[in-house]
C-alpha cells in the first residue's frame, strides 16, 4: 500500500477540511448563480489569457461569495469543457479567494509513441489520473 503525504505546501489539511465542510448553498441561491457566472466568464478569460500570456496567465478573483457557492463553480467546470489548465486556473483562483491557496502542477506522461501533458491542483495529487504523470512545473497562486 502506498501512503501519500499531504500534497500541498501552501496550506494545511485543516484549511481544506474547513472549506469542504462549509455548507453548500442551494443551487437556486443568488450566490450560487453569481459563482457560476464568475466561473463561466473566467473559463473563457483563462482560455484567452493562456493563449496570450502562457503559464503567466491570471484571472480576476471571484466576488465576495460564501465557499458554499462552489456548487455553481463546479457545475460550470463540468459543463463548459475547459482544458485541464483552464480548469486548474479557475479552481486555483476560487480556492485562493476562500483561504485554500493551491499550486497548479503541470506534468507529462509517455503513452506509447505519444507524450501527453496534464495540469491539476496539488490537492488532487492523489487522483488516479494525476499519478500517471511526472511533475514538470508548479505554478503558485498569484
N, C-alpha and C. Protein backbone atom coordinates (compact mmCIF):
# COMPACT_ATOMS: atom_id res chain seq x y z
N UNK A 1 0.84 -1.18 0.00
CA UNK A 1 0.00 0.00 0.00
C UNK A 1 0.89 1.24 0.00
N UNK A 2 0.61 2.17 -0.91
CA UNK A 2 1.36 3.41 -0.99
C UNK A 2 0.69 4.47 -0.13
N UNK A 3 1.47 5.15 0.69
CA UNK A 3 0.95 6.22 1.53
C UNK A 3 1.44 7.54 0.95
N UNK A 4 0.51 8.45 0.67
CA UNK A 4 0.85 9.75 0.11
C UNK A 4 0.82 10.79 1.22
N UNK A 5 1.86 11.61 1.29
CA UNK A 5 1.89 12.71 2.24
C UNK A 5 0.89 13.77 1.77
N UNK A 6 0.52 14.67 2.68
CA UNK A 6 -0.39 15.73 2.28
C UNK A 6 0.28 16.52 1.16
N UNK A 7 -0.40 16.68 0.04
CA UNK A 7 0.27 17.19 -1.16
C UNK A 7 0.57 18.68 -1.21
N UNK A 8 -0.12 19.50 -0.44
CA UNK A 8 0.07 20.94 -0.60
C UNK A 8 1.13 21.50 0.33
N UNK A 9 1.95 22.39 -0.23
CA UNK A 9 2.96 23.08 0.57
C UNK A 9 2.44 24.44 1.04
N UNK A 10 1.27 24.85 0.56
CA UNK A 10 0.78 26.21 0.81
C UNK A 10 -0.31 26.31 1.87
N UNK A 11 -0.95 25.22 2.20
CA UNK A 11 -1.98 25.26 3.23
C UNK A 11 -2.00 23.94 3.99
N UNK A 12 -2.64 23.96 5.14
CA UNK A 12 -2.71 22.76 5.96
C UNK A 12 -3.96 21.96 5.60
N UNK A 13 -3.99 20.70 5.98
CA UNK A 13 -5.19 19.90 5.72
C UNK A 13 -6.43 20.49 6.40
N UNK A 14 -6.22 21.17 7.54
CA UNK A 14 -7.35 21.75 8.26
C UNK A 14 -8.04 22.85 7.45
N UNK A 15 -7.27 23.63 6.72
CA UNK A 15 -7.86 24.69 5.90
C UNK A 15 -8.73 24.11 4.79
N UNK A 16 -8.26 23.06 4.16
CA UNK A 16 -9.05 22.41 3.11
C UNK A 16 -10.28 21.75 3.71
N UNK A 17 -10.12 21.10 4.86
CA UNK A 17 -11.24 20.45 5.54
C UNK A 17 -12.32 21.48 5.89
N UNK A 18 -11.90 22.62 6.43
CA UNK A 18 -12.86 23.67 6.80
C UNK A 18 -13.60 24.18 5.56
N UNK A 19 -12.89 24.34 4.46
CA UNK A 19 -13.52 24.79 3.21
C UNK A 19 -14.56 23.76 2.75
N UNK A 20 -14.20 22.50 2.78
CA UNK A 20 -15.12 21.46 2.30
C UNK A 20 -16.31 21.27 3.23
N UNK A 21 -16.15 21.60 4.50
CA UNK A 21 -17.25 21.46 5.46
C UNK A 21 -18.25 22.60 5.37
N UNK A 22 -17.87 23.67 4.72
CA UNK A 22 -18.78 24.81 4.57
C UNK A 22 -20.05 24.31 3.87
N UNK A 23 -21.18 24.64 4.45
CA UNK A 23 -22.45 24.16 3.91
C UNK A 23 -22.68 24.72 2.51
N UNK A 24 -23.08 23.83 1.60
CA UNK A 24 -23.38 24.25 0.23
C UNK A 24 -24.64 25.10 0.21
N UNK A 25 -24.64 26.13 -0.60
CA UNK A 25 -25.85 26.92 -0.78
C UNK A 25 -26.71 26.22 -1.83
N UNK A 26 -27.99 26.50 -1.80
CA UNK A 26 -28.91 25.92 -2.77
C UNK A 26 -28.50 26.33 -4.18
N UNK A 27 -28.74 25.47 -5.13
CA UNK A 27 -28.39 25.82 -6.50
C UNK A 27 -29.27 26.95 -7.03
N UNK A 28 -30.35 27.25 -6.32
CA UNK A 28 -31.23 28.36 -6.71
C UNK A 28 -30.88 29.65 -5.97
N UNK A 29 -29.88 29.60 -5.12
CA UNK A 29 -29.45 30.76 -4.35
C UNK A 29 -28.71 31.73 -5.28
N UNK A 30 -28.94 33.03 -5.13
CA UNK A 30 -28.23 34.01 -5.98
C UNK A 30 -26.70 33.90 -5.88
N UNK A 31 -26.18 33.51 -4.72
CA UNK A 31 -24.72 33.37 -4.57
C UNK A 31 -24.20 32.26 -5.47
N UNK A 32 -24.96 31.19 -5.59
CA UNK A 32 -24.56 30.08 -6.47
C UNK A 32 -24.58 30.55 -7.93
N UNK A 33 -25.59 31.32 -8.28
CA UNK A 33 -25.68 31.84 -9.65
C UNK A 33 -24.53 32.80 -9.94
N UNK A 34 -24.16 33.64 -8.97
CA UNK A 34 -23.04 34.57 -9.17
C UNK A 34 -21.72 33.80 -9.31
N UNK A 35 -21.57 32.73 -8.51
CA UNK A 35 -20.36 31.91 -8.60
C UNK A 35 -20.28 31.25 -9.97
N UNK A 36 -21.41 30.75 -10.45
CA UNK A 36 -21.45 30.12 -11.77
C UNK A 36 -21.11 31.13 -12.87
N UNK A 37 -21.66 32.32 -12.75
CA UNK A 37 -21.38 33.36 -13.75
C UNK A 37 -19.90 33.74 -13.72
N UNK A 38 -19.33 33.86 -12.52
CA UNK A 38 -17.90 34.16 -12.40
C UNK A 38 -17.08 33.05 -13.08
N UNK A 39 -17.42 31.80 -12.78
CA UNK A 39 -16.67 30.67 -13.35
C UNK A 39 -16.80 30.65 -14.88
N UNK A 40 -18.01 30.83 -15.39
CA UNK A 40 -18.23 30.80 -16.84
C UNK A 40 -17.40 31.88 -17.53
N UNK A 41 -17.46 33.09 -17.00
CA UNK A 41 -16.71 34.21 -17.57
C UNK A 41 -15.22 33.94 -17.52
N UNK A 42 -14.75 33.37 -16.41
CA UNK A 42 -13.32 33.20 -16.24
C UNK A 42 -12.75 31.96 -16.90
N UNK A 43 -13.58 30.99 -17.24
CA UNK A 43 -13.10 29.89 -18.09
C UNK A 43 -12.73 30.47 -19.45
N UNK A 44 -13.59 31.36 -19.96
CA UNK A 44 -13.31 32.00 -21.25
C UNK A 44 -12.10 32.93 -21.16
N UNK A 45 -12.03 33.69 -20.06
CA UNK A 45 -10.87 34.57 -19.86
C UNK A 45 -9.58 33.77 -19.74
N UNK A 46 -9.65 32.64 -19.04
CA UNK A 46 -8.46 31.80 -18.87
C UNK A 46 -7.96 31.31 -20.22
N UNK A 47 -8.89 30.93 -21.08
CA UNK A 47 -8.51 30.47 -22.42
C UNK A 47 -7.74 31.56 -23.17
N UNK A 48 -8.28 32.78 -23.15
CA UNK A 48 -7.62 33.89 -23.85
C UNK A 48 -6.30 34.26 -23.17
N UNK A 49 -6.29 34.29 -21.84
CA UNK A 49 -5.08 34.68 -21.11
C UNK A 49 -3.97 33.66 -21.31
N UNK A 50 -4.31 32.38 -21.33
CA UNK A 50 -3.29 31.34 -21.55
C UNK A 50 -2.72 31.44 -22.96
N UNK A 51 -3.57 31.74 -23.95
CA UNK A 51 -3.09 31.90 -25.32
C UNK A 51 -2.16 33.11 -25.43
N UNK A 52 -2.47 34.15 -24.69
CA UNK A 52 -1.71 35.39 -24.76
C UNK A 52 -0.46 35.36 -23.87
N UNK A 53 -0.61 34.89 -22.61
CA UNK A 53 0.46 35.00 -21.62
C UNK A 53 1.12 33.68 -21.22
N UNK A 54 0.63 32.58 -21.75
CA UNK A 54 1.19 31.28 -21.36
C UNK A 54 0.93 30.99 -19.89
N UNK A 55 1.90 30.36 -19.24
CA UNK A 55 1.68 29.96 -17.85
C UNK A 55 1.73 31.14 -16.88
N UNK A 56 1.98 32.33 -17.36
CA UNK A 56 1.93 33.53 -16.52
C UNK A 56 0.51 34.11 -16.46
N UNK A 57 -0.44 33.45 -17.08
CA UNK A 57 -1.82 33.94 -17.15
C UNK A 57 -2.44 34.05 -15.76
N UNK A 58 -3.27 35.07 -15.60
CA UNK A 58 -4.03 35.24 -14.36
C UNK A 58 -5.46 35.60 -14.73
N UNK A 59 -6.36 35.35 -13.79
CA UNK A 59 -7.75 35.77 -13.95
C UNK A 59 -8.15 36.51 -12.68
N UNK A 60 -9.16 37.38 -12.75
CA UNK A 60 -9.56 38.14 -11.57
C UNK A 60 -10.19 37.23 -10.52
N UNK A 61 -10.03 37.58 -9.24
CA UNK A 61 -10.63 36.77 -8.17
C UNK A 61 -12.15 36.88 -8.19
N UNK A 62 -12.81 35.92 -7.57
CA UNK A 62 -14.28 35.97 -7.54
C UNK A 62 -14.77 37.08 -6.62
N UNK A 63 -16.03 37.48 -6.79
CA UNK A 63 -16.60 38.44 -5.85
C UNK A 63 -16.72 37.78 -4.48
N UNK A 64 -16.99 38.56 -3.46
CA UNK A 64 -17.13 38.02 -2.10
C UNK A 64 -18.37 37.13 -2.05
N UNK A 65 -18.14 35.84 -2.07
CA UNK A 65 -19.22 34.85 -2.03
C UNK A 65 -18.87 33.80 -0.99
N UNK A 66 -19.87 33.14 -0.40
CA UNK A 66 -19.56 32.08 0.55
C UNK A 66 -18.92 30.89 -0.16
N UNK A 67 -18.07 30.18 0.57
CA UNK A 67 -17.42 29.00 -0.01
C UNK A 67 -18.45 27.97 -0.46
N UNK A 68 -19.61 27.95 0.18
CA UNK A 68 -20.67 27.02 -0.19
C UNK A 68 -21.25 27.27 -1.57
N UNK A 69 -20.92 28.41 -2.16
CA UNK A 69 -21.38 28.70 -3.53
C UNK A 69 -20.55 27.96 -4.55
N UNK A 70 -19.59 27.16 -4.09
CA UNK A 70 -18.73 26.40 -5.02
C UNK A 70 -19.53 25.48 -5.92
N UNK A 71 -20.74 25.15 -5.49
CA UNK A 71 -21.62 24.32 -6.32
C UNK A 71 -21.78 24.92 -7.72
N UNK A 72 -21.90 26.24 -7.81
CA UNK A 72 -22.03 26.90 -9.11
C UNK A 72 -20.76 26.79 -9.94
N UNK A 73 -19.61 26.94 -9.29
CA UNK A 73 -18.32 26.82 -9.98
C UNK A 73 -18.14 25.40 -10.50
N UNK A 74 -18.42 24.42 -9.65
CA UNK A 74 -18.26 23.02 -10.04
C UNK A 74 -19.18 22.66 -11.20
N UNK A 75 -20.41 23.17 -11.18
CA UNK A 75 -21.35 22.88 -12.26
C UNK A 75 -20.84 23.42 -13.59
N UNK A 76 -20.32 24.63 -13.58
CA UNK A 76 -19.79 25.22 -14.81
C UNK A 76 -18.59 24.43 -15.30
N UNK A 77 -17.70 24.04 -14.40
CA UNK A 77 -16.50 23.31 -14.82
C UNK A 77 -16.85 21.93 -15.38
N UNK A 78 -17.95 21.35 -14.93
CA UNK A 78 -18.38 20.07 -15.50
C UNK A 78 -18.97 20.24 -16.90
N UNK A 79 -19.66 21.35 -17.13
CA UNK A 79 -20.40 21.52 -18.37
C UNK A 79 -19.69 22.34 -19.45
N UNK A 80 -18.75 23.19 -19.06
CA UNK A 80 -18.11 24.09 -20.03
C UNK A 80 -16.97 23.42 -20.80
N UNK A 81 -16.56 22.25 -20.41
CA UNK A 81 -15.47 21.51 -21.05
C UNK A 81 -14.18 22.31 -21.18
N UNK A 82 -13.70 22.91 -20.07
CA UNK A 82 -12.42 23.61 -20.16
C UNK A 82 -11.28 22.62 -20.28
N UNK A 83 -10.14 23.08 -20.77
CA UNK A 83 -8.95 22.23 -20.75
C UNK A 83 -8.53 22.05 -19.29
N UNK A 84 -7.66 21.11 -19.04
CA UNK A 84 -7.22 20.87 -17.66
C UNK A 84 -6.51 22.09 -17.09
N UNK A 85 -5.79 22.84 -17.91
CA UNK A 85 -5.09 24.02 -17.42
C UNK A 85 -6.07 25.16 -17.14
N UNK A 86 -7.07 25.35 -17.99
CA UNK A 86 -8.10 26.36 -17.73
C UNK A 86 -8.85 26.04 -16.45
N UNK A 87 -9.24 24.78 -16.31
CA UNK A 87 -9.95 24.33 -15.11
C UNK A 87 -9.12 24.57 -13.86
N UNK A 88 -7.85 24.21 -13.93
CA UNK A 88 -6.97 24.37 -12.77
C UNK A 88 -6.79 25.84 -12.41
N UNK A 89 -6.69 26.71 -13.40
CA UNK A 89 -6.51 28.13 -13.14
C UNK A 89 -7.76 28.72 -12.47
N UNK A 90 -8.93 28.35 -12.95
CA UNK A 90 -10.18 28.84 -12.35
C UNK A 90 -10.32 28.31 -10.92
N UNK A 91 -10.09 27.03 -10.72
CA UNK A 91 -10.20 26.45 -9.37
C UNK A 91 -9.16 27.03 -8.42
N UNK A 92 -7.95 27.21 -8.90
CA UNK A 92 -6.89 27.78 -8.06
C UNK A 92 -7.29 29.17 -7.58
N UNK A 93 -7.83 29.98 -8.47
CA UNK A 93 -8.24 31.34 -8.12
C UNK A 93 -9.40 31.32 -7.13
N UNK A 94 -10.39 30.44 -7.36
CA UNK A 94 -11.53 30.32 -6.45
C UNK A 94 -11.07 29.88 -5.06
N UNK A 95 -10.25 28.84 -5.01
CA UNK A 95 -9.80 28.31 -3.72
C UNK A 95 -8.93 29.32 -2.97
N UNK A 96 -8.06 30.03 -3.67
CA UNK A 96 -7.21 31.03 -3.01
C UNK A 96 -8.07 32.13 -2.39
N UNK A 97 -9.15 32.51 -3.06
CA UNK A 97 -10.05 33.53 -2.52
C UNK A 97 -10.80 33.05 -1.29
N UNK A 98 -10.83 31.73 -1.09
CA UNK A 98 -11.53 31.15 0.06
C UNK A 98 -10.56 30.55 1.08
N UNK A 99 -9.32 31.02 1.07
CA UNK A 99 -8.37 30.65 2.10
C UNK A 99 -7.67 29.32 1.91
N UNK A 100 -7.71 28.77 0.70
CA UNK A 100 -7.05 27.50 0.43
C UNK A 100 -6.13 27.68 -0.79
N UNK A 101 -4.97 28.32 -0.59
CA UNK A 101 -4.07 28.51 -1.73
C UNK A 101 -3.50 27.17 -2.21
N UNK A 102 -3.53 26.95 -3.51
CA UNK A 102 -3.04 25.71 -4.11
C UNK A 102 -2.09 26.03 -5.26
N UNK A 103 -1.23 25.09 -5.55
CA UNK A 103 -0.36 25.23 -6.72
C UNK A 103 -0.94 24.42 -7.87
N UNK A 104 -0.76 24.93 -9.07
CA UNK A 104 -1.10 24.15 -10.27
C UNK A 104 0.14 23.34 -10.61
N UNK A 105 -0.05 22.06 -10.84
CA UNK A 105 1.06 21.19 -11.22
C UNK A 105 0.89 20.82 -12.68
N UNK A 106 1.96 20.96 -13.43
CA UNK A 106 1.96 20.57 -14.84
C UNK A 106 2.88 19.37 -14.97
N UNK A 107 2.37 18.31 -15.60
CA UNK A 107 3.16 17.10 -15.73
C UNK A 107 3.01 16.49 -17.11
N UNK A 108 3.86 15.51 -17.38
CA UNK A 108 3.83 14.80 -18.66
C UNK A 108 3.87 13.30 -18.42
N UNK A 109 3.38 12.57 -19.40
CA UNK A 109 3.44 11.11 -19.37
C UNK A 109 3.64 10.62 -20.79
N UNK A 110 4.36 9.52 -20.92
CA UNK A 110 4.56 8.92 -22.23
C UNK A 110 3.64 7.71 -22.34
N UNK A 111 2.81 7.73 -23.37
CA UNK A 111 1.91 6.62 -23.65
C UNK A 111 2.20 6.14 -25.06
N UNK A 112 2.90 5.05 -25.17
CA UNK A 112 3.30 4.55 -26.48
C UNK A 112 4.26 5.52 -27.12
N UNK A 113 3.92 5.98 -28.32
CA UNK A 113 4.78 6.93 -29.03
C UNK A 113 4.40 8.38 -28.72
N UNK A 114 3.33 8.58 -27.94
CA UNK A 114 2.86 9.93 -27.64
C UNK A 114 3.35 10.43 -26.29
N UNK A 115 3.56 11.72 -26.21
CA UNK A 115 3.82 12.37 -24.93
C UNK A 115 2.60 13.24 -24.64
N UNK A 116 1.99 13.02 -23.47
CA UNK A 116 0.80 13.77 -23.09
C UNK A 116 1.11 14.67 -21.91
N UNK A 117 0.46 15.83 -21.89
CA UNK A 117 0.61 16.78 -20.79
C UNK A 117 -0.72 16.89 -20.05
N UNK A 118 -0.63 17.24 -18.77
CA UNK A 118 -1.82 17.39 -17.94
C UNK A 118 -1.54 18.41 -16.86
N UNK A 119 -2.57 19.10 -16.41
CA UNK A 119 -2.45 20.06 -15.31
C UNK A 119 -3.49 19.72 -14.25
N UNK A 120 -3.11 19.86 -12.99
CA UNK A 120 -4.02 19.58 -11.88
C UNK A 120 -3.58 20.41 -10.68
N UNK A 121 -4.41 20.47 -9.66
CA UNK A 121 -4.06 21.19 -8.44
C UNK A 121 -3.33 20.25 -7.49
N UNK A 122 -2.48 20.83 -6.65
CA UNK A 122 -1.71 19.99 -5.72
C UNK A 122 -2.61 19.18 -4.79
N UNK A 123 -3.81 19.65 -4.49
CA UNK A 123 -4.71 18.89 -3.63
C UNK A 123 -5.29 17.67 -4.35
N UNK A 124 -5.11 17.59 -5.65
CA UNK A 124 -5.58 16.45 -6.44
C UNK A 124 -4.45 15.48 -6.76
N UNK A 125 -3.32 15.61 -6.09
CA UNK A 125 -2.14 14.80 -6.42
C UNK A 125 -2.37 13.31 -6.23
N UNK A 126 -3.28 12.93 -5.36
CA UNK A 126 -3.57 11.51 -5.15
C UNK A 126 -4.54 10.94 -6.16
N UNK A 127 -5.07 11.77 -7.04
CA UNK A 127 -6.02 11.35 -8.06
C UNK A 127 -5.38 10.32 -8.98
N UNK A 128 -6.14 9.30 -9.37
CA UNK A 128 -5.58 8.23 -10.19
C UNK A 128 -5.05 8.74 -11.53
N UNK A 129 -5.65 9.78 -12.09
CA UNK A 129 -5.15 10.34 -13.36
C UNK A 129 -3.84 11.07 -13.13
N UNK A 130 -3.78 11.90 -12.09
CA UNK A 130 -2.58 12.70 -11.81
C UNK A 130 -1.37 11.82 -11.52
N UNK A 131 -1.58 10.67 -10.91
CA UNK A 131 -0.45 9.79 -10.56
C UNK A 131 0.25 9.20 -11.77
N UNK A 132 -0.38 9.26 -12.94
CA UNK A 132 0.24 8.72 -14.16
C UNK A 132 1.28 9.68 -14.75
N UNK A 133 1.29 10.93 -14.28
CA UNK A 133 2.13 11.97 -14.87
C UNK A 133 3.32 12.29 -13.99
N UNK A 134 4.41 12.65 -14.65
CA UNK A 134 5.62 13.09 -13.95
C UNK A 134 5.59 14.61 -13.87
N UNK A 135 5.75 15.13 -12.67
CA UNK A 135 5.68 16.57 -12.46
C UNK A 135 6.83 17.29 -13.15
N UNK A 136 6.49 18.36 -13.88
CA UNK A 136 7.49 19.20 -14.53
C UNK A 136 7.61 20.57 -13.88
N UNK A 137 6.45 21.13 -13.51
CA UNK A 137 6.46 22.52 -13.05
C UNK A 137 5.29 22.76 -12.10
N UNK A 138 5.49 23.69 -11.14
CA UNK A 138 4.42 24.12 -10.23
C UNK A 138 4.20 25.61 -10.39
N UNK A 139 2.94 26.01 -10.42
CA UNK A 139 2.58 27.42 -10.54
C UNK A 139 1.88 27.85 -9.26
N UNK A 140 2.51 28.75 -8.53
CA UNK A 140 1.92 29.26 -7.29
C UNK A 140 0.78 30.21 -7.62
N UNK A 141 -0.18 30.37 -6.70
CA UNK A 141 -1.26 31.32 -6.96
C UNK A 141 -0.73 32.75 -7.03
N UNK A 142 -1.37 33.55 -7.85
CA UNK A 142 -0.94 34.96 -7.98
C UNK A 142 -1.97 35.86 -7.39
